[in-house]
N, C-alpha and C. Protein backbone atom coordinates (compact mmCIF):
# COMPACT_ATOMS: atom_id res chain seq x y z
N UNK A 1 -15.04 -40.13 -40.76
CA UNK A 1 -16.34 -39.35 -41.00
C UNK A 1 -16.15 -38.61 -42.44
N UNK A 2 -16.83 -39.25 -43.18
CA UNK A 2 -16.77 -39.04 -44.83
C UNK A 2 -17.66 -37.68 -45.08
N UNK A 3 -16.83 -36.91 -45.53
CA UNK A 3 -17.54 -35.54 -45.81
C UNK A 3 -17.84 -35.36 -47.28
N UNK A 4 -17.00 -35.84 -48.16
CA UNK A 4 -17.26 -36.07 -49.70
C UNK A 4 -17.51 -37.32 -50.02
N UNK A 5 -18.67 -37.48 -51.02
CA UNK A 5 -19.07 -38.75 -51.32
C UNK A 5 -18.98 -38.70 -52.93
N UNK A 6 -17.95 -39.40 -53.38
CA UNK A 6 -17.50 -39.35 -54.84
C UNK A 6 -17.76 -40.72 -55.38
N UNK A 7 -18.05 -41.04 -56.86
CA UNK A 7 -18.11 -42.20 -57.19
C UNK A 7 -16.69 -42.80 -57.19
N UNK A 8 -16.65 -44.20 -57.36
CA UNK A 8 -15.64 -44.94 -57.27
C UNK A 8 -14.30 -44.33 -57.92
N UNK A 9 -14.35 -44.37 -59.31
CA UNK A 9 -13.29 -44.14 -60.07
C UNK A 9 -12.69 -42.58 -59.66
N UNK A 10 -13.16 -41.61 -59.45
CA UNK A 10 -12.66 -40.47 -59.11
C UNK A 10 -12.19 -40.67 -57.65
N UNK A 11 -12.82 -41.58 -56.84
CA UNK A 11 -12.36 -41.63 -55.51
C UNK A 11 -10.73 -42.29 -55.59
N UNK A 12 -10.72 -43.33 -56.17
CA UNK A 12 -9.49 -44.02 -56.69
C UNK A 12 -8.46 -42.92 -57.14
N UNK A 13 -8.69 -42.23 -58.09
CA UNK A 13 -7.78 -41.35 -58.65
C UNK A 13 -7.47 -40.16 -57.58
N UNK A 14 -8.17 -39.76 -56.73
CA UNK A 14 -8.11 -38.95 -55.88
C UNK A 14 -6.93 -39.46 -54.82
N UNK A 15 -7.28 -40.86 -54.32
CA UNK A 15 -6.43 -41.57 -53.50
C UNK A 15 -5.01 -41.68 -54.09
N UNK A 16 -4.87 -41.97 -55.25
CA UNK A 16 -3.54 -42.06 -56.07
C UNK A 16 -2.94 -40.64 -56.10
N UNK A 17 -3.68 -39.83 -56.52
CA UNK A 17 -2.91 -38.39 -56.54
C UNK A 17 -2.56 -38.00 -55.16
N UNK A 18 -3.42 -38.11 -54.23
CA UNK A 18 -3.09 -37.71 -52.93
C UNK A 18 -1.96 -38.31 -52.33
N UNK A 19 -1.77 -39.61 -52.44
CA UNK A 19 -0.43 -40.35 -52.02
C UNK A 19 0.65 -39.86 -52.72
N UNK A 20 0.66 -39.75 -54.01
CA UNK A 20 1.91 -39.09 -54.86
C UNK A 20 2.24 -37.75 -54.15
N UNK A 21 1.20 -36.92 -53.99
CA UNK A 21 1.60 -35.59 -53.48
C UNK A 21 2.12 -35.60 -51.98
N UNK A 22 1.49 -36.62 -51.21
CA UNK A 22 2.15 -36.77 -49.88
C UNK A 22 3.47 -37.22 -49.84
N UNK A 23 3.82 -38.25 -50.58
CA UNK A 23 5.15 -38.78 -50.62
C UNK A 23 6.02 -37.78 -51.33
N UNK A 24 5.82 -37.22 -52.38
CA UNK A 24 6.66 -36.36 -53.04
C UNK A 24 6.80 -34.86 -52.11
N UNK A 25 5.83 -34.53 -51.77
CA UNK A 25 5.68 -33.04 -50.77
C UNK A 25 6.38 -33.55 -49.47
N UNK A 26 6.42 -34.63 -48.76
CA UNK A 26 7.12 -34.74 -47.68
C UNK A 26 8.56 -34.83 -47.92
N UNK A 27 8.81 -35.50 -49.01
CA UNK A 27 10.40 -35.69 -49.63
C UNK A 27 11.05 -34.18 -49.66
N UNK A 28 10.19 -33.52 -50.47
CA UNK A 28 10.76 -32.08 -50.75
C UNK A 28 10.73 -31.29 -49.44
N UNK A 29 9.86 -31.27 -48.69
CA UNK A 29 9.57 -30.54 -47.38
C UNK A 29 11.11 -31.05 -46.51
N UNK A 30 11.21 -32.10 -46.50
CA UNK A 30 12.45 -32.55 -45.67
C UNK A 30 13.74 -32.17 -46.23
N UNK A 31 13.94 -32.03 -47.64
CA UNK A 31 14.96 -31.52 -48.27
C UNK A 31 15.36 -30.26 -48.17
N UNK A 32 14.29 -29.43 -47.96
CA UNK A 32 14.24 -27.87 -47.70
C UNK A 32 14.58 -27.48 -46.32
N UNK A 33 14.40 -28.62 -45.42
CA UNK A 33 14.82 -28.30 -43.86
C UNK A 33 16.31 -28.03 -43.71
N UNK A 34 16.66 -27.09 -43.09
CA UNK A 34 18.03 -26.88 -42.84
C UNK A 34 18.82 -28.13 -42.14
N UNK A 35 20.12 -28.40 -42.73
CA UNK A 35 20.66 -29.54 -42.00
C UNK A 35 21.01 -29.45 -40.70
N UNK A 36 21.21 -28.33 -40.11
CA UNK A 36 21.34 -28.30 -38.59
C UNK A 36 20.20 -28.83 -37.80
N UNK A 37 18.87 -29.06 -38.54
CA UNK A 37 17.89 -29.60 -37.52
C UNK A 37 18.29 -31.09 -37.62
N UNK A 38 18.96 -31.88 -38.34
CA UNK A 38 19.30 -33.19 -38.36
C UNK A 38 20.74 -33.42 -37.98
N UNK A 39 21.61 -32.35 -37.50
CA UNK A 39 23.04 -32.46 -36.87
C UNK A 39 23.27 -33.49 -36.03
N UNK A 40 22.26 -33.55 -35.07
CA UNK A 40 22.37 -34.41 -33.90
C UNK A 40 21.26 -35.43 -33.60
N UNK A 41 21.42 -36.31 -32.72
CA UNK A 41 20.34 -37.38 -32.32
C UNK A 41 19.39 -36.54 -31.37
N UNK A 42 18.16 -35.87 -31.88
CA UNK A 42 17.51 -35.29 -30.83
C UNK A 42 16.41 -36.44 -30.24
N UNK A 43 15.75 -36.17 -29.58
CA UNK A 43 14.90 -37.00 -28.75
C UNK A 43 14.19 -38.11 -29.72
N UNK A 44 13.75 -37.48 -30.91
CA UNK A 44 13.10 -38.36 -31.95
C UNK A 44 14.11 -39.55 -32.46
N UNK A 45 15.28 -39.22 -32.80
CA UNK A 45 16.23 -40.17 -33.32
C UNK A 45 17.23 -40.82 -32.44
N UNK A 46 17.12 -40.55 -31.12
CA UNK A 46 18.02 -41.05 -30.29
C UNK A 46 17.76 -42.47 -30.17
N UNK A 47 18.62 -43.35 -30.13
CA UNK A 47 18.46 -44.83 -29.88
C UNK A 47 17.83 -45.05 -28.59
N UNK A 48 16.80 -45.88 -28.38
CA UNK A 48 16.30 -46.45 -26.99
C UNK A 48 16.84 -47.50 -26.36
N UNK A 49 16.96 -47.71 -25.18
CA UNK A 49 17.66 -49.07 -24.55
C UNK A 49 17.16 -50.12 -25.25
N UNK A 50 15.88 -50.22 -25.37
CA UNK A 50 15.03 -51.54 -25.98
C UNK A 50 15.44 -51.75 -27.27
N UNK A 51 16.02 -50.79 -28.16
CA UNK A 51 16.42 -51.17 -29.51
C UNK A 51 17.80 -51.83 -29.45
N UNK A 52 18.31 -51.89 -28.50
CA UNK A 52 19.78 -52.63 -28.37
C UNK A 52 20.70 -52.18 -29.50
N UNK A 53 20.87 -50.84 -29.62
CA UNK A 53 21.86 -50.63 -30.79
C UNK A 53 21.55 -51.34 -32.21
N UNK A 54 20.18 -51.49 -32.49
CA UNK A 54 19.63 -52.02 -33.65
C UNK A 54 19.58 -53.54 -33.69
N UNK A 55 20.02 -54.20 -32.60
CA UNK A 55 19.81 -55.77 -32.74
C UNK A 55 18.29 -56.13 -32.47
N UNK A 56 17.56 -55.25 -31.78
CA UNK A 56 16.04 -55.41 -31.55
C UNK A 56 15.41 -55.77 -33.08
N UNK A 57 15.75 -54.95 -34.07
CA UNK A 57 15.26 -54.91 -35.43
C UNK A 57 15.68 -56.22 -36.11
N UNK A 58 16.81 -56.50 -35.77
CA UNK A 58 17.23 -57.83 -36.36
C UNK A 58 16.62 -59.12 -35.88
N UNK A 59 16.58 -59.07 -34.58
CA UNK A 59 15.97 -60.32 -33.80
C UNK A 59 14.56 -60.30 -34.14
N UNK A 60 13.84 -59.37 -34.09
CA UNK A 60 12.23 -59.29 -34.18
C UNK A 60 11.66 -59.00 -35.53
N UNK A 61 12.41 -58.35 -36.42
CA UNK A 61 12.12 -58.15 -37.72
C UNK A 61 12.79 -58.80 -39.02
N UNK A 62 13.89 -59.50 -38.58
CA UNK A 62 14.98 -60.15 -39.53
C UNK A 62 15.20 -59.08 -40.55
N UNK A 63 15.52 -57.78 -40.09
CA UNK A 63 15.75 -56.64 -41.05
C UNK A 63 16.73 -56.84 -42.07
N UNK A 64 17.73 -57.63 -41.66
CA UNK A 64 18.87 -57.83 -42.90
C UNK A 64 18.38 -58.62 -44.10
N UNK A 65 17.28 -59.37 -43.83
CA UNK A 65 16.84 -60.22 -45.12
C UNK A 65 16.09 -59.27 -46.08
N UNK A 66 15.49 -58.20 -45.73
CA UNK A 66 14.65 -57.46 -46.49
C UNK A 66 15.06 -55.81 -46.83
N UNK A 67 15.97 -55.49 -45.90
CA UNK A 67 16.12 -54.02 -45.90
C UNK A 67 16.74 -53.45 -47.47
N UNK A 68 17.44 -54.30 -48.17
CA UNK A 68 18.15 -53.87 -49.39
C UNK A 68 16.97 -53.93 -50.51
N UNK A 69 15.70 -54.34 -50.21
CA UNK A 69 14.78 -54.54 -51.21
C UNK A 69 13.86 -53.15 -51.13
N UNK A 70 14.23 -52.33 -50.15
CA UNK A 70 13.36 -51.10 -49.80
C UNK A 70 13.82 -49.98 -51.07
N UNK A 71 12.92 -49.19 -51.64
CA UNK A 71 13.38 -48.10 -52.64
C UNK A 71 14.26 -47.06 -51.75
N UNK A 72 15.09 -46.49 -52.45
CA UNK A 72 15.83 -45.22 -51.87
C UNK A 72 15.41 -44.08 -52.45
N UNK A 73 14.70 -43.31 -51.77
CA UNK A 73 14.14 -42.23 -52.42
C UNK A 73 14.98 -41.05 -52.47
N UNK A 74 16.21 -41.09 -52.10
CA UNK A 74 17.30 -40.03 -52.09
C UNK A 74 17.80 -39.87 -53.59
N UNK A 75 17.58 -40.99 -54.17
CA UNK A 75 18.02 -40.83 -55.83
C UNK A 75 17.00 -40.34 -56.68
N UNK A 76 15.88 -39.91 -56.05
CA UNK A 76 14.82 -39.47 -57.07
C UNK A 76 14.83 -38.01 -57.13
N UNK A 77 15.54 -37.32 -56.26
CA UNK A 77 15.67 -35.86 -56.31
C UNK A 77 17.26 -35.47 -56.52
N UNK A 78 17.55 -34.41 -57.30
CA UNK A 78 18.82 -33.79 -57.37
C UNK A 78 19.45 -33.65 -56.29
N UNK A 79 18.66 -33.13 -55.36
CA UNK A 79 19.36 -32.57 -54.03
C UNK A 79 19.51 -33.77 -53.05
N UNK A 80 18.98 -34.87 -53.41
CA UNK A 80 18.87 -36.12 -52.45
C UNK A 80 20.07 -36.78 -52.25
N UNK A 81 20.06 -37.75 -51.26
CA UNK A 81 21.44 -38.39 -50.65
C UNK A 81 20.93 -39.84 -50.73
N UNK A 82 21.58 -40.49 -51.61
CA UNK A 82 21.42 -42.08 -51.55
C UNK A 82 21.89 -42.67 -50.29
N UNK A 83 21.10 -43.37 -49.66
CA UNK A 83 21.60 -44.25 -48.62
C UNK A 83 21.48 -45.66 -48.73
N UNK A 84 21.54 -46.10 -50.18
CA UNK A 84 21.64 -47.48 -50.52
C UNK A 84 22.77 -48.19 -50.41
N UNK A 85 24.04 -47.61 -50.61
CA UNK A 85 25.20 -48.11 -50.32
C UNK A 85 26.16 -47.17 -49.50
N UNK A 86 26.99 -47.72 -48.74
CA UNK A 86 27.93 -47.00 -48.13
C UNK A 86 28.98 -46.54 -49.09
N UNK A 87 29.18 -45.28 -49.48
CA UNK A 87 29.99 -44.72 -50.54
C UNK A 87 31.55 -44.38 -49.95
N UNK A 88 31.71 -44.51 -48.71
CA UNK A 88 33.19 -43.98 -48.19
C UNK A 88 32.98 -44.21 -46.65
N UNK A 89 34.27 -44.20 -46.23
CA UNK A 89 34.32 -44.43 -44.67
C UNK A 89 35.26 -43.22 -43.95
N UNK A 90 35.31 -42.02 -44.98
CA UNK A 90 35.52 -40.90 -44.31
C UNK A 90 34.75 -40.35 -43.17
N UNK A 91 35.09 -39.75 -42.06
CA UNK A 91 34.31 -39.33 -41.11
C UNK A 91 33.38 -38.06 -41.70
N UNK A 92 33.72 -37.35 -42.55
CA UNK A 92 32.92 -36.29 -43.24
C UNK A 92 31.78 -36.92 -43.68
N UNK A 93 32.01 -38.06 -44.76
CA UNK A 93 30.95 -38.66 -45.30
C UNK A 93 30.00 -39.42 -44.51
N UNK A 94 30.53 -40.18 -43.34
CA UNK A 94 29.73 -40.67 -42.45
C UNK A 94 28.77 -39.90 -41.48
N UNK A 95 29.33 -38.74 -41.37
CA UNK A 95 28.48 -37.53 -40.56
C UNK A 95 27.38 -37.25 -41.48
N UNK A 96 27.55 -37.12 -42.81
CA UNK A 96 26.40 -36.59 -43.59
C UNK A 96 25.50 -37.83 -43.76
N UNK A 97 26.21 -39.05 -43.90
CA UNK A 97 25.14 -40.22 -43.84
C UNK A 97 24.15 -40.32 -42.65
N UNK A 98 24.72 -40.19 -41.65
CA UNK A 98 24.07 -39.96 -40.21
C UNK A 98 22.97 -39.00 -40.30
N UNK A 99 23.48 -37.87 -40.63
CA UNK A 99 22.51 -36.63 -40.83
C UNK A 99 21.45 -37.05 -41.79
N UNK A 100 21.51 -37.59 -43.07
CA UNK A 100 20.53 -37.95 -43.91
C UNK A 100 19.69 -39.10 -43.46
N UNK A 101 20.18 -39.88 -42.68
CA UNK A 101 19.39 -41.07 -42.03
C UNK A 101 18.28 -40.54 -41.16
N UNK A 102 18.63 -39.30 -40.33
CA UNK A 102 17.64 -38.63 -39.59
C UNK A 102 16.67 -38.05 -40.52
N UNK A 103 17.21 -37.39 -41.47
CA UNK A 103 16.28 -36.62 -42.36
C UNK A 103 15.16 -37.77 -43.11
N UNK A 104 15.67 -38.77 -43.55
CA UNK A 104 14.97 -39.79 -44.04
C UNK A 104 13.91 -40.24 -43.09
N UNK A 105 14.42 -40.42 -41.88
CA UNK A 105 13.45 -40.98 -40.86
C UNK A 105 12.13 -40.05 -40.57
N UNK A 106 12.59 -38.80 -40.45
CA UNK A 106 11.53 -37.72 -40.30
C UNK A 106 10.61 -37.61 -41.50
N UNK A 107 11.16 -37.77 -42.80
CA UNK A 107 10.29 -37.74 -43.98
C UNK A 107 9.26 -38.90 -43.90
N UNK A 108 9.63 -40.11 -43.36
CA UNK A 108 8.57 -41.38 -43.47
C UNK A 108 7.73 -40.86 -42.23
N UNK A 109 8.17 -40.54 -40.95
CA UNK A 109 6.99 -40.08 -40.13
C UNK A 109 6.00 -39.08 -40.69
N UNK A 110 6.60 -38.04 -41.21
CA UNK A 110 5.60 -37.11 -41.85
C UNK A 110 4.72 -37.56 -42.72
N UNK A 111 5.15 -38.60 -43.60
CA UNK A 111 4.35 -39.05 -44.76
C UNK A 111 3.13 -39.75 -44.00
N UNK A 112 3.23 -40.42 -42.90
CA UNK A 112 2.08 -40.88 -42.22
C UNK A 112 1.07 -40.11 -41.85
N UNK A 113 1.28 -38.88 -41.28
CA UNK A 113 0.65 -38.10 -40.59
C UNK A 113 -0.68 -37.75 -41.48
N UNK A 114 -0.65 -37.44 -42.76
CA UNK A 114 -1.77 -37.36 -43.36
C UNK A 114 -2.84 -38.28 -43.68
N UNK A 115 -2.60 -39.51 -43.42
CA UNK A 115 -3.37 -40.53 -43.69
C UNK A 115 -4.93 -40.64 -43.05
N UNK A 116 -5.01 -39.96 -41.99
CA UNK A 116 -6.51 -39.75 -41.37
C UNK A 116 -7.37 -38.94 -42.42
N UNK A 117 -6.84 -37.94 -43.17
CA UNK A 117 -7.60 -37.19 -44.11
C UNK A 117 -8.08 -38.06 -45.29
N UNK A 118 -7.65 -39.08 -45.34
CA UNK A 118 -8.43 -40.10 -46.52
C UNK A 118 -9.72 -40.58 -46.16
N UNK A 119 -10.01 -40.38 -44.51
CA UNK A 119 -11.36 -40.66 -44.24
C UNK A 119 -12.36 -39.81 -44.85
N UNK A 120 -11.85 -38.55 -45.24
CA UNK A 120 -12.78 -37.26 -45.52
C UNK A 120 -13.63 -37.81 -46.84
N UNK A 121 -13.02 -38.39 -47.90
CA UNK A 121 -13.56 -38.72 -49.16
C UNK A 121 -13.72 -40.42 -49.36
N UNK A 122 -13.34 -41.19 -48.38
CA UNK A 122 -13.41 -42.63 -48.55
C UNK A 122 -14.26 -43.38 -47.49
N UNK A 123 -14.98 -44.27 -47.92
CA UNK A 123 -15.65 -44.93 -46.83
C UNK A 123 -14.79 -45.57 -45.75
N UNK A 124 -15.43 -45.62 -44.54
CA UNK A 124 -14.57 -46.04 -43.33
C UNK A 124 -13.50 -47.23 -43.62
N UNK A 125 -14.05 -48.17 -44.38
CA UNK A 125 -13.22 -49.46 -44.67
C UNK A 125 -11.92 -49.07 -45.44
N UNK A 126 -12.13 -48.29 -46.36
CA UNK A 126 -11.19 -47.72 -47.34
C UNK A 126 -10.14 -46.63 -46.58
N UNK A 127 -10.60 -45.91 -45.81
CA UNK A 127 -10.07 -45.10 -44.73
C UNK A 127 -8.99 -45.89 -43.80
N UNK A 128 -9.47 -46.86 -43.29
CA UNK A 128 -8.64 -47.73 -42.54
C UNK A 128 -7.49 -48.39 -43.40
N UNK A 129 -7.83 -48.90 -44.69
CA UNK A 129 -6.90 -49.41 -45.61
C UNK A 129 -5.73 -48.24 -45.91
N UNK A 130 -6.24 -47.15 -46.22
CA UNK A 130 -5.28 -46.08 -46.32
C UNK A 130 -4.38 -45.84 -45.07
N UNK A 131 -4.98 -45.83 -44.03
CA UNK A 131 -4.06 -45.74 -42.88
C UNK A 131 -2.98 -46.82 -42.79
N UNK A 132 -3.52 -48.10 -43.11
CA UNK A 132 -2.57 -49.30 -43.17
C UNK A 132 -1.60 -49.08 -44.27
N UNK A 133 -2.03 -48.69 -45.32
CA UNK A 133 -0.93 -48.63 -46.50
C UNK A 133 0.03 -47.43 -46.04
N UNK A 134 -0.34 -46.30 -45.30
CA UNK A 134 0.69 -45.47 -44.82
C UNK A 134 1.71 -46.04 -43.98
N UNK A 135 1.16 -46.86 -42.97
CA UNK A 135 2.03 -47.42 -42.17
C UNK A 135 2.92 -48.71 -42.69
N UNK A 136 2.26 -49.45 -43.65
CA UNK A 136 3.20 -50.28 -44.41
C UNK A 136 4.11 -49.92 -45.32
N UNK A 137 3.85 -48.70 -45.90
CA UNK A 137 4.96 -48.06 -46.75
C UNK A 137 5.87 -47.43 -46.02
N UNK A 138 5.90 -46.81 -44.88
CA UNK A 138 6.65 -46.04 -44.07
C UNK A 138 7.36 -46.57 -43.05
N UNK A 139 6.79 -47.61 -42.20
CA UNK A 139 7.39 -48.13 -41.04
C UNK A 139 8.54 -48.87 -41.37
N UNK A 140 8.61 -49.74 -42.51
CA UNK A 140 9.87 -50.49 -42.76
C UNK A 140 11.06 -49.47 -43.02
N UNK A 141 10.70 -48.35 -43.70
CA UNK A 141 11.89 -47.47 -44.05
C UNK A 141 12.26 -46.69 -42.65
N UNK A 142 11.43 -46.40 -41.82
CA UNK A 142 11.68 -45.90 -40.55
C UNK A 142 12.53 -47.00 -39.54
N UNK A 143 12.17 -48.14 -39.79
CA UNK A 143 12.98 -49.28 -39.13
C UNK A 143 14.38 -49.26 -39.56
N UNK A 144 14.51 -49.41 -40.89
CA UNK A 144 15.92 -49.47 -41.54
C UNK A 144 16.65 -48.24 -40.88
N UNK A 145 16.26 -47.17 -40.86
CA UNK A 145 17.01 -45.89 -40.50
C UNK A 145 17.29 -46.19 -39.15
N UNK A 146 16.53 -46.56 -38.30
CA UNK A 146 16.70 -46.85 -36.65
C UNK A 146 17.66 -47.82 -36.48
N UNK A 147 17.51 -48.93 -37.47
CA UNK A 147 18.55 -50.17 -37.23
C UNK A 147 19.98 -49.60 -37.77
N UNK A 148 20.16 -48.92 -38.86
CA UNK A 148 21.44 -48.45 -39.33
C UNK A 148 22.18 -47.50 -38.50
N UNK A 149 21.34 -46.58 -37.97
CA UNK A 149 22.16 -45.22 -37.33
C UNK A 149 23.00 -45.63 -36.41
N UNK A 150 22.73 -46.59 -35.28
CA UNK A 150 23.71 -47.17 -34.24
C UNK A 150 24.99 -47.68 -34.98
N UNK A 151 24.75 -48.54 -35.84
CA UNK A 151 25.76 -49.15 -36.69
C UNK A 151 26.61 -48.18 -37.24
N UNK A 152 26.14 -47.28 -37.90
CA UNK A 152 27.10 -46.17 -38.58
C UNK A 152 27.60 -45.20 -37.74
N UNK A 153 26.80 -45.07 -36.48
CA UNK A 153 27.55 -44.12 -35.43
C UNK A 153 28.81 -44.64 -35.12
N UNK A 154 28.77 -46.17 -34.69
CA UNK A 154 30.06 -46.68 -34.27
C UNK A 154 31.07 -46.84 -35.30
N UNK A 155 30.73 -47.05 -36.56
CA UNK A 155 31.69 -47.04 -37.68
C UNK A 155 32.29 -45.61 -37.71
N UNK A 156 31.47 -44.55 -37.58
CA UNK A 156 31.97 -43.15 -37.51
C UNK A 156 33.17 -43.15 -36.21
N UNK A 157 32.68 -43.46 -35.27
CA UNK A 157 33.69 -43.35 -34.06
C UNK A 157 34.82 -44.21 -34.39
N UNK A 158 34.78 -45.33 -34.88
CA UNK A 158 36.07 -46.02 -35.34
C UNK A 158 36.70 -45.34 -36.30
N UNK A 159 36.14 -44.63 -37.30
CA UNK A 159 36.83 -44.03 -38.36
C UNK A 159 37.52 -42.73 -37.82
N UNK A 160 37.09 -42.06 -36.97
CA UNK A 160 37.65 -40.81 -36.21
C UNK A 160 38.85 -41.36 -35.43
N UNK A 161 38.73 -42.59 -34.93
CA UNK A 161 39.95 -43.31 -34.18
C UNK A 161 40.94 -43.91 -35.12
N UNK A 162 40.58 -44.04 -36.36
CA UNK A 162 41.59 -44.66 -37.29
C UNK A 162 41.35 -46.21 -37.35
N UNK A 163 40.44 -46.59 -36.74
CA UNK A 163 40.16 -48.09 -36.94
C UNK A 163 38.80 -48.61 -37.50
N UNK A 164 38.44 -47.95 -38.53
CA UNK A 164 37.32 -48.01 -39.41
C UNK A 164 37.38 -49.27 -40.06
N UNK A 165 36.40 -49.99 -40.22
CA UNK A 165 36.07 -51.34 -40.82
C UNK A 165 34.51 -51.35 -41.37
N UNK A 166 34.26 -51.63 -42.52
CA UNK A 166 32.97 -51.45 -42.92
C UNK A 166 32.15 -52.91 -42.36
N UNK A 167 31.02 -52.43 -41.68
CA UNK A 167 30.40 -53.63 -41.16
C UNK A 167 29.98 -54.75 -42.16
N UNK A 168 30.11 -55.84 -41.82
CA UNK A 168 29.86 -57.14 -42.84
C UNK A 168 28.24 -57.51 -42.51
N UNK A 169 27.60 -57.77 -43.50
CA UNK A 169 26.26 -58.43 -43.64
C UNK A 169 26.39 -59.87 -43.50
N UNK A 170 25.44 -60.60 -43.34
CA UNK A 170 25.54 -62.18 -43.41
C UNK A 170 26.34 -62.65 -44.43
N UNK A 171 26.16 -62.09 -45.55
CA UNK A 171 26.96 -62.64 -46.90
C UNK A 171 28.27 -62.29 -46.96
N UNK A 172 28.83 -61.56 -46.06
CA UNK A 172 30.09 -60.99 -46.00
C UNK A 172 30.47 -60.07 -47.03
N UNK A 173 29.48 -59.52 -47.72
CA UNK A 173 29.72 -58.45 -48.86
C UNK A 173 29.60 -57.05 -47.75
N UNK A 174 29.90 -55.97 -48.40
CA UNK A 174 29.90 -54.68 -47.84
C UNK A 174 28.37 -54.62 -47.48
N UNK A 175 28.08 -53.86 -46.34
CA UNK A 175 26.80 -53.69 -45.99
C UNK A 175 26.08 -52.83 -46.94
N UNK A 176 24.79 -53.32 -47.26
CA UNK A 176 23.70 -52.41 -48.21
C UNK A 176 23.07 -51.83 -47.06
N UNK A 177 22.98 -50.56 -46.91
CA UNK A 177 22.39 -49.94 -45.85
C UNK A 177 20.90 -49.56 -46.09
N UNK A 178 20.37 -49.83 -47.15
CA UNK A 178 19.05 -50.01 -47.28
C UNK A 178 18.31 -48.64 -47.15
C-alpha cells in the first residue's frame, strides 16, 4: 500500500538511506542490549531437533562452502565482537562467543522486520524486492549462527572438561566461524 509517491531517484536514495539506517540501527540496538539477555539459549536460540546440531544446514545449504564469505559486522563497531575466527579455546572466551552469536542472530532477525515499511514509498514490485533483499541479506547470517552455535557449545563443553580441540573444516584448517 504505497502512501508516498516520489520520483525514481529520490525513491532509490530513500531506499539506500533507509537500509543503511536499518542495518546500523539494529546493530547498535543489539550492542546496547544487556549481555544477560543473551546469556542462555532462550526459545529463539535453542537448537531444534530438525536442525540436527547444525548438520541440517551443512546438508541442505552446504554452509561450509560459503559461510566464510559473509561479512562480519562485529568488527565495524568498537564495542563489537568479531566472530570471523575463533580466537581462543578458553571456556570464558567460548562463553562470550556463544553469547555474541545469539546477539548476532537477533540483530539479523530484527533487521528483517522493517522490510514491509518499504511498501509505503515503493511500487508493490519494488516493495517485494526490498522484502527479498532483507531476507537475502540476513537469512544467511542467521543460518551461520544457528549452524555454529551447537558446534561451539560442544567445544565449550569439551573445553570445560579439558578435552577441547578446535573443530576442523573440510580443508583441515582451523574453522572459520563465519
